Amino acid sequence: MKFRGERIRELRQRYGHSLALTCRLLEARLGFKTTKSSLSMWERGKYLPSLNALMALCELYGVEMDYFFSEE
């Protein structure tokens, strides 16, 4: 399975969230702390987010974890 980081960006843009706002929401609503730089690296596929990060993103945006993966 392949991680599809660009889907994080798609969700952010769909909701009108900047990198900074997404980071603030993750911390305020879910207690998950990250940086704009890390979030950007995940979106560009430079790094893989941790399981905790993926779970927080899923909860914030109301998607299942498999949304971020493909069978390629």
C-alpha atoms as a PDB file:
ATOM      1  CA  MET A   1       0.000   0.000   0.000  1.00  0.00           C
ATOM      2  CA  LYS A   2       1.175   3.489  -0.813  1.00  0.00           C
ATOM      3  CA  PHE A   3       0.685   6.541   1.424  1.00  0.00           C
ATOM      4  CA  ARG A   4      -1.073   9.368  -0.432  1.00  0.00           C
ATOM      5  CA  GLY A   5       0.079  12.532   1.338  1.00  0.00           C
ATOM      6  CA  GLU A   6      -1.524  14.797  -1.227  1.00  0.00           C
ATOM      7  CA  ARG A   7      -4.874  13.767   0.221  1.00  0.00           C
ATOM      8  CA  ILE A   8      -4.053  15.693   3.399  1.00  0.00           C
ATOM      9  CA  ARG A   9      -3.669  18.831   1.269  1.00  0.00           C
ATOM     10  CA  GLU A  10      -6.921  18.059  -0.559  1.00  0.00           C
ATOM     11  CA  LEU A  11      -8.808  17.831   2.731  1.00  0.00           C
ATOM     12  CA  ARG A  12      -7.226  21.016   4.082  1.00  0.00           C
ATOM     13  CA  GLN A  13      -8.141  22.925   0.963  1.00  0.00           C
ATOM     14  CA  ARG A  14     -11.662  21.508   0.874  1.00  0.00           C
ATOM     15  CA  TYR A  15     -12.204  22.871   4.387  1.00  0.00           C
ATOM     16  CA  GLY A  16     -10.341  26.126   3.689  1.00  0.00           C
ATOM     17  CA  HIS A  17      -7.625  25.385   6.258  1.00  0.00           C
ATOM     18  CA  SER A  18      -4.077  26.678   6.030  1.00  0.00           C
ATOM     19  CA  LEU A  19      -1.154  24.631   7.334  1.00  0.00           C
ATOM     20  CA  ALA A  20      -1.076  26.812  10.443  1.00  0.00           C
ATOM     21  CA  LEU A  21      -4.806  26.496  11.099  1.00  0.00           C
ATOM     22  CA  THR A  22      -4.697  22.729  10.669  1.00  0.00           C
ATOM     23  CA  CYS A  23      -1.891  22.509  13.225  1.00  0.00           C
ATOM     24  CA  ARG A  24      -3.834  24.685  15.677  1.00  0.00           C
ATOM     25  CA  LEU A  25      -7.015  22.621  15.213  1.00  0.00           C
ATOM     26  CA  LEU A  26      -5.185  19.339  15.705  1.00  0.00           C
ATOM     27  CA  GLU A  27      -3.778  20.605  18.983  1.00  0.00           C
ATOM     28  CA  ALA A  28      -6.890  22.399  20.278  1.00  0.00           C
ATOM     29  CA  ARG A  29      -9.445  19.731  19.398  1.00  0.00           C
ATOM     30  CA  LEU A  30      -7.416  16.549  19.668  1.00  0.00           C
ATOM     31  CA  GLY A  31      -4.348  17.377  21.736  1.00  0.00           C
ATOM     32  CA  PHE A  32      -2.044  16.390  18.868  1.00  0.00           C
ATOM     33  CA  LYS A  33       0.849  18.777  18.424  1.00  0.00           C
ATOM     34  CA  THR A  34       2.659  19.117  15.099  1.00  0.00           C
ATOM     35  CA  THR A  35       4.322  21.813  13.025  1.00  0.00           C
ATOM     36  CA  LYS A  36       3.534  23.372   9.662  1.00  0.00           C
ATOM     37  CA  SER A  37       6.803  21.976   8.388  1.00  0.00           C
ATOM     38  CA  SER A  38       5.918  18.398   9.373  1.00  0.00           C
ATOM     39  CA  LEU A  39       2.444  18.697   7.896  1.00  0.00           C
ATOM     40  CA  SER A  40       3.905  20.005   4.649  1.00  0.00           C
ATOM     41  CA  MET A  41       6.422  17.136   4.511  1.00  0.00           C
ATOM     42  CA  TRP A  42       3.599  14.603   4.961  1.00  0.00           C
ATOM     43  CA  GLU A  43       1.579  16.238   2.188  1.00  0.00           C
ATOM     44  CA  ARG A  44       4.542  16.106  -0.200  1.00  0.00           C
ATOM     45  CA  GLY A  45       5.374  12.531   0.691  1.00  0.00           C
ATOM     46  CA  LYS A  46       8.799  13.438   2.083  1.00  0.00           C
ATOM     47  CA  TYR A  47       7.990  11.784   5.427  1.00  0.00           C
ATOM     48  CA  LEU A  48       5.323   9.430   6.657  1.00  0.00           C
ATOM     49  CA  PRO A  49       3.140  10.647   9.527  1.00  0.00           C
ATOM     50  CA  SER A  50       3.017   8.562  12.686  1.00  0.00           C
ATOM     51  CA  LEU A  51       0.007   6.419  13.474  1.00  0.00           C
ATOM     52  CA  ASN A  52      -1.071   9.006  16.070  1.00  0.00           C
ATOM     53  CA  ALA A  53      -0.824  11.759  13.457  1.00  0.00           C
ATOM     54  CA  LEU A  54      -2.932   9.781  10.986  1.00  0.00           C
ATOM     55  CA  MET A  55      -5.536   9.046  13.636  1.00  0.00           C
ATOM     56  CA  ALA A  56      -5.739  12.754  14.522  1.00  0.00           C
ATOM     57  CA  LEU A  57      -6.108  13.766  10.866  1.00  0.00           C
ATOM     58  CA  CYS A  58      -8.825  11.149  10.378  1.00  0.00           C
ATOM     59  CA  GLU A  59     -10.752  12.442  13.356  1.00  0.00           C
ATOM     60  CA  LEU A  60     -10.330  16.101  12.392  1.00  0.00           C
ATOM     61  CA  TYR A  61     -11.515  15.575   8.829  1.00  0.00           C
ATOM     62  CA  GLY A  62     -13.967  12.708   9.354  1.00  0.00           C
ATOM     63  CA  VAL A  63     -12.298  10.161   7.082  1.00  0.00           C
ATOM     64  CA  GLU A  64     -11.197   6.552   7.513  1.00  0.00           C
ATOM     65  CA  MET A  65      -7.484   5.780   7.631  1.00  0.00           C
ATOM     66  CA  ASP A  66      -7.596   3.916   4.310  1.00  0.00           C
ATOM     67  CA  TYR A  67      -8.473   7.251   2.669  1.00  0.00           C
ATOM     68  CA  PHE A  68      -4.750   8.076   2.849  1.00  0.00           C
ATOM     69  CA  PHE A  69      -3.587   4.879   1.149  1.00  0.00           C
ATOM     70  CA  SER A  70      -3.851   3.269  -2.263  1.00  0.00           C
ATOM     71  CA  GLU A  71      -3.176  -0.245  -3.513  1.00  0.00           C
ATOM     72  CA  GLU A  72      -0.411   0.782  -5.968  1.00  0.00           C
END
